[in-house]
């Protein structure tokens, strides 16, 4: 039995990236009904951005942390434990002002911890979050793939690879704001990509989701 960690980052619960990530999960459940699904919704429960309290708390010995530092470190530890326990990471990522949502950046900043999820060696950095498959459901109002405006793809590949996750697959739904015809085609294409990635064999039971 595998564990999937779904990270939802759309501001709106019905945002396009959330919808495509949910579609991915639905198809995955159909093919792998025994698997465990853990969902962290950053739109509903945003993670605070890093501040001095959090950073100093990360590096301070546990017994010397202030209550505020302890709370920040415990949240980071919780997020890292979720990631480490997952076999598959599913990211629903809308494009906001040519970048990733700030809530996703906050999540990344909390799980990127020196000596825990990566380390530096004499041969360079080594990612410690390994042997995971990653699926990124990228929803965009315009068409940006392969252009300088697509800062998301390179950044996510770089930061995920830095942490040790190199098996990263992107599903793009682009042109969603360019009229009904373009939107319909984009949705059809994206759902087809999802089906090819996870399969479409239907079964009668489904994995029980866990929301956090």
Protein backbone atom coordinates (compact mmCIF):
# COMPACT_ATOMS: atom_id res chain seq x y z
CA UNK A 1 0.00 0.00 0.00
CA UNK A 2 1.35 3.39 -1.01
CA UNK A 3 0.71 6.77 0.59
CA UNK A 4 -0.12 9.83 -1.50
CA UNK A 5 0.34 13.35 -0.17
CA UNK A 6 -1.83 15.85 -2.02
CA UNK A 7 -0.96 19.52 -1.59
CA UNK A 8 -3.75 21.87 -2.69
CA UNK A 9 -2.64 25.48 -3.19
CA UNK A 10 -5.46 27.30 -4.97
CA UNK A 11 -6.89 30.27 -3.07
CA UNK A 12 -10.37 29.11 -4.06
CA UNK A 13 -11.49 25.61 -3.14
CA UNK A 14 -12.92 25.33 -6.66
CA UNK A 15 -9.79 26.72 -8.30
CA UNK A 16 -8.61 25.03 -11.48
CA UNK A 17 -5.46 23.58 -9.97
CA UNK A 18 -7.46 22.06 -7.11
CA UNK A 19 -9.93 20.56 -9.58
CA UNK A 20 -7.20 18.92 -11.65
CA UNK A 21 -5.40 17.66 -8.56
CA UNK A 22 -8.69 16.19 -7.34
CA UNK A 23 -9.22 14.57 -10.74
CA UNK A 24 -5.76 13.01 -10.45
CA UNK A 25 -6.58 11.67 -6.99
CA UNK A 26 -9.94 10.30 -8.19
CA UNK A 27 -8.29 8.38 -11.00
CA UNK A 28 -5.51 7.18 -8.71
CA UNK A 29 -8.03 5.87 -6.18
CA UNK A 30 -9.83 4.01 -8.94
CA UNK A 31 -6.64 2.25 -9.94
CA UNK A 32 -5.16 1.83 -6.45
CA UNK A 33 -8.08 1.58 -4.00
CA UNK A 34 -5.88 0.24 -1.22
CA UNK A 35 -3.65 3.33 -1.11
CA UNK A 36 -3.78 5.98 1.61
CA UNK A 37 -4.53 9.56 0.61
CA UNK A 38 -3.42 12.48 2.80
CA UNK A 39 -4.55 15.95 1.71
CA UNK A 40 -3.12 19.21 3.00
CA UNK A 41 -5.14 22.18 1.82
CA UNK A 42 -3.01 25.33 1.95
CA UNK A 43 -5.92 27.45 0.77
CA UNK A 44 -8.03 26.50 3.77
CA UNK A 45 -5.14 26.31 6.24
CA UNK A 46 -2.29 28.54 5.06
CA UNK A 47 1.15 27.94 6.49
CA UNK A 48 2.79 31.07 7.94
CA UNK A 49 5.71 32.46 6.01
CA UNK A 50 9.12 32.10 7.58
CA UNK A 51 10.21 34.77 10.01
CA UNK A 52 13.11 35.23 12.39
CA UNK A 53 11.38 33.27 15.13
CA UNK A 54 10.92 30.23 12.91
CA UNK A 55 14.43 30.29 11.46
CA UNK A 56 16.14 30.67 14.84
CA UNK A 57 13.88 27.96 16.23
CA UNK A 58 14.89 25.53 13.49
CA UNK A 59 18.55 25.83 14.44
CA UNK A 60 18.19 26.12 18.20
CA UNK A 61 18.52 23.02 20.41
CA UNK A 62 15.05 21.76 21.27
CA UNK A 63 15.50 22.35 24.99
CA UNK A 64 16.43 26.01 24.40
CA UNK A 65 13.55 26.98 22.13
CA UNK A 66 11.05 29.58 23.23
CA UNK A 67 7.37 28.58 23.06
CA UNK A 68 7.05 30.47 19.76
CA UNK A 69 10.15 28.80 18.33
CA UNK A 70 8.90 25.42 19.50
CA UNK A 71 5.56 25.92 17.75
CA UNK A 72 7.29 26.89 14.49
CA UNK A 73 9.66 23.93 14.63
CA UNK A 74 6.84 21.53 15.44
CA UNK A 75 4.85 22.69 12.41
CA UNK A 76 7.89 22.22 10.19
CA UNK A 77 8.52 18.78 11.69
CA UNK A 78 4.89 17.82 11.03
CA UNK A 79 5.07 18.88 7.38
CA UNK A 80 8.38 17.08 6.88
CA UNK A 81 7.01 13.90 8.46
CA UNK A 82 4.06 13.97 6.05
CA UNK A 83 6.41 14.36 3.10
CA UNK A 84 8.80 11.66 4.28
CA UNK A 85 5.93 9.21 4.82
CA UNK A 86 4.56 9.71 1.30
CA UNK A 87 5.47 7.57 -1.66
CA UNK A 88 3.79 9.95 -4.11
CA UNK A 89 3.50 13.73 -3.94
CA UNK A 90 0.69 15.44 -5.86
CA UNK A 91 0.92 19.23 -6.20
CA UNK A 92 -1.96 21.30 -7.56
CA UNK A 93 -0.30 24.54 -8.68
CA UNK A 94 -2.08 27.55 -10.16
CA UNK A 95 -0.02 30.33 -11.69
CA UNK A 96 -0.34 33.57 -9.76
CA UNK A 97 1.44 36.56 -11.30
CA UNK A 98 3.85 34.26 -13.18
CA UNK A 99 4.89 32.38 -10.04
CA UNK A 100 3.78 29.71 -7.62
CA UNK A 101 1.29 30.62 -4.85
CA UNK A 102 2.95 32.13 -1.79
CA UNK A 103 1.35 29.41 0.33
CA UNK A 104 3.24 26.75 -1.63
CA UNK A 105 6.47 28.71 -1.19
CA UNK A 106 5.79 28.78 2.55
CA UNK A 107 5.30 24.99 2.53
CA UNK A 108 8.57 24.53 0.64
CA UNK A 109 10.40 26.81 3.08
CA UNK A 110 9.14 24.72 6.00
CA UNK A 111 10.13 21.35 4.50
CA UNK A 112 13.54 22.45 3.19
CA UNK A 113 15.57 21.94 6.37
CA UNK A 114 19.34 21.50 6.45
CA UNK A 115 20.46 18.11 7.78
CA UNK A 116 16.87 16.87 7.67
CA UNK A 117 15.70 17.06 4.06
CA UNK A 118 19.02 18.06 2.50
CA UNK A 119 22.65 18.33 3.48
CA UNK A 120 25.85 19.81 2.12
CA UNK A 121 28.86 17.57 1.54
CA UNK A 122 32.33 18.05 0.10
CA UNK A 123 30.84 16.95 -3.21
CA UNK A 124 27.95 19.39 -3.07
CA UNK A 125 24.38 19.29 -1.79
CA UNK A 126 22.56 15.99 -1.34
CA UNK A 127 18.78 15.70 -1.17
CA UNK A 128 17.51 13.43 1.59
CA UNK A 129 13.89 13.08 0.40
CA UNK A 130 14.34 10.32 -2.14
CA UNK A 131 12.47 7.49 -3.88
CA UNK A 132 9.28 9.45 -4.44
CA UNK A 133 7.19 10.16 -7.51
CA UNK A 134 5.94 13.71 -7.94
CA UNK A 135 3.04 14.88 -10.09
CA UNK A 136 2.49 18.60 -10.64
CA UNK A 137 -0.93 19.69 -11.92
CA UNK A 138 -0.17 23.14 -13.35
CA UNK A 139 -3.20 25.32 -14.20
CA UNK A 140 -2.70 28.59 -16.07
CA UNK A 141 -5.06 31.20 -17.50
CA UNK A 142 -2.64 31.91 -20.34
CA UNK A 143 -0.21 29.79 -22.35
CA UNK A 144 3.27 29.87 -20.82
CA UNK A 145 4.84 26.43 -21.13
CA UNK A 146 8.29 26.64 -22.68
CA UNK A 147 8.43 30.45 -22.50
CA UNK A 148 10.38 32.77 -20.17
CA UNK A 149 7.10 33.49 -18.37
CA UNK A 150 6.95 29.92 -17.08
CA UNK A 151 9.02 30.37 -13.94
CA UNK A 152 7.13 27.59 -12.17
CA UNK A 153 8.48 24.57 -14.01
CA UNK A 154 12.18 25.33 -13.60
CA UNK A 155 11.78 26.43 -9.99
CA UNK A 156 9.82 23.36 -8.92
CA UNK A 157 12.16 20.99 -10.72
CA UNK A 158 15.14 22.71 -9.08
CA UNK A 159 13.82 22.83 -5.53
CA UNK A 160 12.28 19.36 -5.59
CA UNK A 161 15.47 17.95 -7.11
CA UNK A 162 17.52 19.75 -4.46
CA UNK A 163 15.52 17.86 -1.83
CA UNK A 164 16.09 14.56 -3.66
CA UNK A 165 12.89 14.26 -5.70
CA UNK A 166 13.92 13.87 -9.33
CA UNK A 167 11.00 11.81 -10.70
CA UNK A 168 8.81 14.85 -11.40
CA UNK A 169 5.95 14.75 -13.92
CA UNK A 170 4.05 17.85 -15.06
CA UNK A 171 0.48 17.97 -16.35
CA UNK A 172 -0.32 21.36 -17.91
CA UNK A 173 -3.76 22.89 -18.30
CA UNK A 174 -3.15 26.16 -20.12
CA UNK A 175 -5.30 28.79 -21.78
CA UNK A 176 -8.08 28.41 -19.23
CA UNK A 177 -8.92 32.12 -19.42
CA UNK A 178 -8.82 32.37 -23.22
CA UNK A 179 -12.45 31.56 -23.92
CA UNK A 180 -14.68 28.52 -23.62
CA UNK A 181 -13.20 26.69 -26.59
CA UNK A 182 -9.63 27.02 -25.32
CA UNK A 183 -10.71 26.14 -21.78
CA UNK A 184 -12.57 23.04 -22.93
CA UNK A 185 -9.63 21.84 -24.98
CA UNK A 186 -7.20 22.49 -22.13
CA UNK A 187 -9.35 20.54 -19.70
CA UNK A 188 -9.72 17.64 -22.13
CA UNK A 189 -5.98 17.55 -22.75
CA UNK A 190 -5.14 17.70 -19.05
CA UNK A 191 -7.58 14.94 -18.12
CA UNK A 192 -6.14 12.83 -20.93
CA UNK A 193 -2.62 13.36 -19.58
CA UNK A 194 -3.80 12.34 -16.12
CA UNK A 195 -5.45 9.21 -17.47
CA UNK A 196 -2.27 8.21 -19.29
CA UNK A 197 -0.19 8.74 -16.15
CA UNK A 198 -2.29 6.89 -13.63
CA UNK A 199 -4.58 4.70 -15.69
CA UNK A 200 -8.36 4.69 -15.81
CA UNK A 201 -9.35 1.21 -14.56
CA UNK A 202 -12.48 1.65 -12.41
CA UNK A 203 -13.14 -0.31 -9.23
CA UNK A 204 -15.99 -0.25 -6.74
CA UNK A 205 -14.08 0.74 -3.59
CA UNK A 206 -11.94 3.76 -2.84
CA UNK A 207 -9.16 4.71 -0.47
CA UNK A 208 -10.26 6.73 2.53
CA UNK A 209 -8.97 10.29 2.35
CA UNK A 210 -7.40 12.05 5.33
CA UNK A 211 -7.63 15.85 5.43
CA UNK A 212 -5.14 17.87 7.43
